[in-house]
Amino acid sequence: MMMSGKNYPTFGMSVVVFELVSKNATSMINQAVARYTADFATAFKKKLDQYDS
């Protein structure tokens, strides 16, 4: 079975999703009420930043 671009995200779409997730992680850090939520979002953002560099 061939993989179709219709069924699987393309590289271009993954870049858009990456940018949106990065921005949402940053806003979650700033808006988090619970400390563990902010800690998780911070660790998540650090991992995303590693992929970005």
PDB file of N, CA and C in Angstrom:
ATOM      1  N   MET A   1       0.841  -1.182   0.000  1.00  0.00           N
ATOM      2  CA  MET A   1       0.000   0.000   0.000  1.00  0.00           C
ATOM      3  C   MET A   1       0.888   1.248   0.000  1.00  0.00           C
ATOM      4  N   MET A   2       0.629   2.156  -0.895  1.00  0.00           N
ATOM      5  CA  MET A   2       1.423   3.380  -0.991  1.00  0.00           C
ATOM      6  C   MET A   2       0.920   4.412   0.007  1.00  0.00           C
ATOM      7  N   MET A   3       1.858   5.188   0.523  1.00  0.00           N
ATOM      8  CA  MET A   3       1.464   6.284   1.390  1.00  0.00           C
ATOM      9  C   MET A   3       1.099   7.471   0.515  1.00  0.00           C
ATOM     10  N   SER A   4      -0.042   8.019   0.758  1.00  0.00           N
ATOM     11  CA  SER A   4      -0.521   9.142  -0.020  1.00  0.00           C
ATOM     12  C   SER A   4      -0.421  10.414   0.797  1.00  0.00           C
ATOM     13  N   GLY A   5      -0.081  11.512   0.128  1.00  0.00           N
ATOM     14  CA  GLY A   5      -0.046  12.802   0.798  1.00  0.00           C
ATOM     15  C   GLY A   5      -1.409  13.211   1.317  1.00  0.00           C
ATOM     16  N   LYS A   6      -2.440  12.615   0.740  1.00  0.00           N
ATOM     17  CA  LYS A   6      -3.800  12.896   1.183  1.00  0.00           C
ATOM     18  C   LYS A   6      -4.052  12.312   2.574  1.00  0.00           C
ATOM     19  N   ASN A   7      -3.375  11.211   2.895  1.00  0.00           N
ATOM     20  CA  ASN A   7      -3.615  10.527   4.166  1.00  0.00           C
ATOM     21  C   ASN A   7      -2.582  10.847   5.240  1.00  0.00           C
ATOM     22  N   TYR A   8      -1.426  11.358   4.851  1.00  0.00           N
ATOM     23  CA  TYR A   8      -0.343  11.609   5.798  1.00  0.00           C
ATOM     24  C   TYR A   8       0.130  13.049   5.661  1.00  0.00           C
ATOM     25  N   PRO A   9       0.477  13.690   6.780  1.00  0.00           N
ATOM     26  CA  PRO A   9       0.905  15.089   6.712  1.00  0.00           C
ATOM     27  C   PRO A   9       2.218  15.241   5.950  1.00  0.00           C
ATOM     28  N   THR A  10       2.326  16.311   5.242  1.00  0.00           N
ATOM     29  CA  THR A  10       3.555  16.609   4.518  1.00  0.00           C
ATOM     30  C   THR A  10       4.509  17.359   5.436  1.00  0.00           C
ATOM     31  N   PHE A  11       5.736  17.515   4.980  1.00  0.00           N
ATOM     32  CA  PHE A  11       6.716  18.252   5.776  1.00  0.00           C
ATOM     33  C   PHE A  11       6.232  19.670   6.042  1.00  0.00           C
ATOM     34  N   GLY A  12       5.644  20.297   5.049  1.00  0.00           N
ATOM     35  CA  GLY A  12       5.148  21.666   5.220  1.00  0.00           C
ATOM     36  C   GLY A  12       4.116  21.773   6.326  1.00  0.00           C
ATOM     37  N   MET A  13       3.246  20.800   6.419  1.00  0.00           N
ATOM     38  CA  MET A  13       2.231  20.806   7.471  1.00  0.00           C
ATOM     39  C   MET A  13       2.863  20.582   8.832  1.00  0.00           C
ATOM     40  N   SER A  14       3.888  19.751   8.894  1.00  0.00           N
ATOM     41  CA  SER A  14       4.530  19.495  10.187  1.00  0.00           C
ATOM     42  C   SER A  14       5.236  20.742  10.703  1.00  0.00           C
ATOM     43  N   VAL A  15       5.740  21.583   9.803  1.00  0.00           N
ATOM     44  CA  VAL A  15       6.368  22.840  10.227  1.00  0.00           C
ATOM     45  C   VAL A  15       5.321  23.756  10.846  1.00  0.00           C
ATOM     46  N   VAL A  16       4.172  23.844  10.225  1.00  0.00           N
ATOM     47  CA  VAL A  16       3.084  24.674  10.760  1.00  0.00           C
ATOM     48  C   VAL A  16       2.652  24.170  12.130  1.00  0.00           C
ATOM     49  N   VAL A  17       2.477  22.876  12.267  1.00  0.00           N
ATOM     50  CA  VAL A  17       2.074  22.288  13.544  1.00  0.00           C
ATOM     51  C   VAL A  17       3.142  22.538  14.601  1.00  0.00           C
ATOM     52  N   PHE A  18       4.416  22.384  14.242  1.00  0.00           N
ATOM     53  CA  PHE A  18       5.515  22.635  15.168  1.00  0.00           C
ATOM     54  C   PHE A  18       5.460  24.069  15.690  1.00  0.00           C
ATOM     55  N   GLU A  19       5.254  25.027  14.803  1.00  0.00           N
ATOM     56  CA  GLU A  19       5.184  26.434  15.214  1.00  0.00           C
ATOM     57  C   GLU A  19       4.004  26.684  16.148  1.00  0.00           C
ATOM     58  N   LEU A  20       2.856  26.115  15.837  1.00  0.00           N
ATOM     59  CA  LEU A  20       1.681  26.301  16.690  1.00  0.00           C
ATOM     60  C   LEU A  20       1.875  25.674  18.067  1.00  0.00           C
ATOM     61  N   VAL A  21       2.449  24.489  18.112  1.00  0.00           N
ATOM     62  CA  VAL A  21       2.693  23.821  19.392  1.00  0.00           C
ATOM     63  C   VAL A  21       3.693  24.622  20.219  1.00  0.00           C
ATOM     64  N   SER A  22       4.721  25.156  19.580  1.00  0.00           N
ATOM     65  CA  SER A  22       5.715  25.962  20.294  1.00  0.00           C
ATOM     66  C   SER A  22       5.076  27.202  20.909  1.00  0.00           C
ATOM     67  N   LYS A  23       4.241  27.884  20.133  1.00  0.00           N
ATOM     68  CA  LYS A  23       3.576  29.087  20.647  1.00  0.00           C
ATOM     69  C   LYS A  23       2.617  28.743  21.782  1.00  0.00           C
ATOM     70  N   ASN A  24       1.877  27.646  21.639  1.00  0.00           N
ATOM     71  CA  ASN A  24       0.947  27.244  22.692  1.00  0.00           C
ATOM     72  C   ASN A  24       1.677  26.824  23.956  1.00  0.00           C
ATOM     73  N   ALA A  25       2.831  26.195  23.823  1.00  0.00           N
ATOM     74  CA  ALA A  25       3.617  25.815  25.004  1.00  0.00           C
ATOM     75  C   ALA A  25       4.071  27.060  25.751  1.00  0.00           C
ATOM     76  N   THR A  26       4.495  28.074  25.009  1.00  0.00           N
ATOM     77  CA  THR A  26       4.926  29.323  25.644  1.00  0.00           C
ATOM     78  C   THR A  26       3.774  29.993  26.372  1.00  0.00           C
ATOM     79  N   SER A  27       2.608  30.045  25.758  1.00  0.00           N
ATOM     80  CA  SER A  27       1.467  30.672  26.426  1.00  0.00           C
ATOM     81  C   SER A  27       1.022  29.859  27.638  1.00  0.00           C
ATOM     82  N   MET A  28       1.149  28.539  27.573  1.00  0.00           N
ATOM     83  CA  MET A  28       0.792  27.696  28.719  1.00  0.00           C
ATOM     84  C   MET A  28       1.721  27.973  29.899  1.00  0.00           C
ATOM     85  N   ILE A  29       2.995  28.180  29.621  1.00  0.00           N
ATOM     86  CA  ILE A  29       3.946  28.498  30.692  1.00  0.00           C
ATOM     87  C   ILE A  29       3.525  29.785  31.387  1.00  0.00           C
ATOM     88  N   ASN A  30       3.142  30.786  30.603  1.00  0.00           N
ATOM     89  CA  ASN A  30       2.782  32.094  31.156  1.00  0.00           C
ATOM     90  C   ASN A  30       1.434  32.093  31.871  1.00  0.00           C
ATOM     91  N   GLN A  31       0.519  31.206  31.471  1.00  0.00           N
ATOM     92  CA  GLN A  31      -0.830  31.217  32.030  1.00  0.00           C
ATOM     93  C   GLN A  31      -1.090  30.115  33.048  1.00  0.00           C
ATOM     94  N   ALA A  32      -0.137  29.259  33.276  1.00  0.00           N
ATOM     95  CA  ALA A  32      -0.360  28.108  34.158  1.00  0.00           C
ATOM     96  C   ALA A  32      -0.646  28.555  35.585  1.00  0.00           C
ATOM     97  N   VAL A  33      -1.646  27.941  36.173  1.00  0.00           N
ATOM     98  CA  VAL A  33      -1.991  28.211  37.566  1.00  0.00           C
ATOM     99  C   VAL A  33      -1.225  27.253  38.466  1.00  0.00           C
ATOM    100  N   ALA A  34      -1.224  25.985  38.107  1.00  0.00           N
ATOM    101  CA  ALA A  34      -0.528  24.978  38.908  1.00  0.00           C
ATOM    102  C   ALA A  34       0.951  24.936  38.528  1.00  0.00           C
ATOM    103  N   ARG A  35       1.790  24.819  39.512  1.00  0.00           N
ATOM    104  CA  ARG A  35       3.236  24.799  39.293  1.00  0.00           C
ATOM    105  C   ARG A  35       3.659  23.606  38.444  1.00  0.00           C
ATOM    106  N   TYR A  36       3.045  22.433  38.654  1.00  0.00           N
ATOM    107  CA  TYR A  36       3.436  21.260  37.869  1.00  0.00           C
ATOM    108  C   TYR A  36       3.062  21.414  36.402  1.00  0.00           C
ATOM    109  N   THR A  37       1.997  22.154  36.117  1.00  0.00           N
ATOM    110  CA  THR A  37       1.636  22.414  34.720  1.00  0.00           C
ATOM    111  C   THR A  37       2.686  23.289  34.058  1.00  0.00           C
ATOM    112  N   ALA A  38       3.125  24.313  34.762  1.00  0.00           N
ATOM    113  CA  ALA A  38       4.169  25.192  34.233  1.00  0.00           C
ATOM    114  C   ALA A  38       5.479  24.435  34.069  1.00  0.00           C
ATOM    115  N   ASP A  39       5.803  23.566  35.022  1.00  0.00           N
ATOM    116  CA  ASP A  39       7.036  22.775  34.922  1.00  0.00           C
ATOM    117  C   ASP A  39       7.000  21.843  33.713  1.00  0.00           C
ATOM    118  N   PHE A  40       5.853  21.204  33.501  1.00  0.00           N
ATOM    119  CA  PHE A  40       5.714  20.312  32.350  1.00  0.00           C
ATOM    120  C   PHE A  40       5.838  21.098  31.046  1.00  0.00           C
ATOM    121  N   ALA A  41       5.142  22.226  30.963  1.00  0.00           N
ATOM    122  CA  ALA A  41       5.185  23.042  29.750  1.00  0.00           C
ATOM    123  C   ALA A  41       6.591  23.575  29.498  1.00  0.00           C
ATOM    124  N   THR A  42       7.313  23.919  30.550  1.00  0.00           N
ATOM    125  CA  THR A  42       8.689  24.396  30.402  1.00  0.00           C
ATOM    126  C   THR A  42       9.588  23.293  29.863  1.00  0.00           C
ATOM    127  N   ALA A  43       9.466  22.094  30.402  1.00  0.00           N
ATOM    128  CA  ALA A  43      10.268  20.963  29.912  1.00  0.00           C
ATOM    129  C   ALA A  43       9.911  20.639  28.465  1.00  0.00           C
ATOM    130  N   PHE A  44       8.630  20.702  28.142  1.00  0.00           N
ATOM    131  CA  PHE A  44       8.165  20.446  26.778  1.00  0.00           C
ATOM    132  C   PHE A  44       8.737  21.484  25.814  1.00  0.00           C
ATOM    133  N   LYS A  45       8.710  22.747  26.217  1.00  0.00           N
ATOM    134  CA  LYS A  45       9.231  23.837  25.381  1.00  0.00           C
ATOM    135  C   LYS A  45      10.735  23.699  25.186  1.00  0.00           C
ATOM    136  N   LYS A  46      11.457  23.294  26.222  1.00  0.00           N
ATOM    137  CA  LYS A  46      12.907  23.091  26.089  1.00  0.00           C
ATOM    138  C   LYS A  46      13.204  22.011  25.058  1.00  0.00           C
ATOM    139  N   LYS A  47      12.415  20.944  25.063  1.00  0.00           N
ATOM    140  CA  LYS A  47      12.610  19.871  24.084  1.00  0.00           C
ATOM    141  C   LYS A  47      12.297  20.375  22.676  1.00  0.00           C
ATOM    142  N   LEU A  48      11.245  21.154  22.529  1.00  0.00           N
ATOM    143  CA  LEU A  48      10.933  21.725  21.216  1.00  0.00           C
ATOM    144  C   LEU A  48      12.050  22.644  20.735  1.00  0.00           C
ATOM    145  N   ASP A  49      12.613  23.415  21.659  1.00  0.00           N
ATOM    146  CA  ASP A  49      13.713  24.313  21.295  1.00  0.00           C
ATOM    147  C   ASP A  49      14.934  23.536  20.820  1.00  0.00           C
ATOM    148  N   GLN A  50      15.154  22.354  21.376  1.00  0.00           N
ATOM    149  CA  GLN A  50      16.266  21.516  20.912  1.00  0.00           C
ATOM    150  C   GLN A  50      16.056  21.102  19.462  1.00  0.00           C
ATOM    151  N   TYR A  51      14.823  20.779  19.110  1.00  0.00           N
ATOM    152  CA  TYR A  51      14.524  20.398  17.728  1.00  0.00           C
ATOM    153  C   TYR A  51      14.643  21.591  16.786  1.00  0.00           C
ATOM    154  N   ASP A  52      14.366  22.777  17.312  1.00  0.00           N
ATOM    155  CA  ASP A  52      14.368  23.987  16.489  1.00  0.00           C
ATOM    156  C   ASP A  52      15.776  24.472  16.169  1.00  0.00           C
ATOM    157  N   SER A  53      16.751  24.105  16.990  1.00  0.00           N
ATOM    158  CA  SER A  53      18.117  24.608  16.762  1.00  0.00           C
ATOM    159  C   SER A  53      18.951  23.681  15.924  1.00  0.00           C
TER     160      SER A  53
END
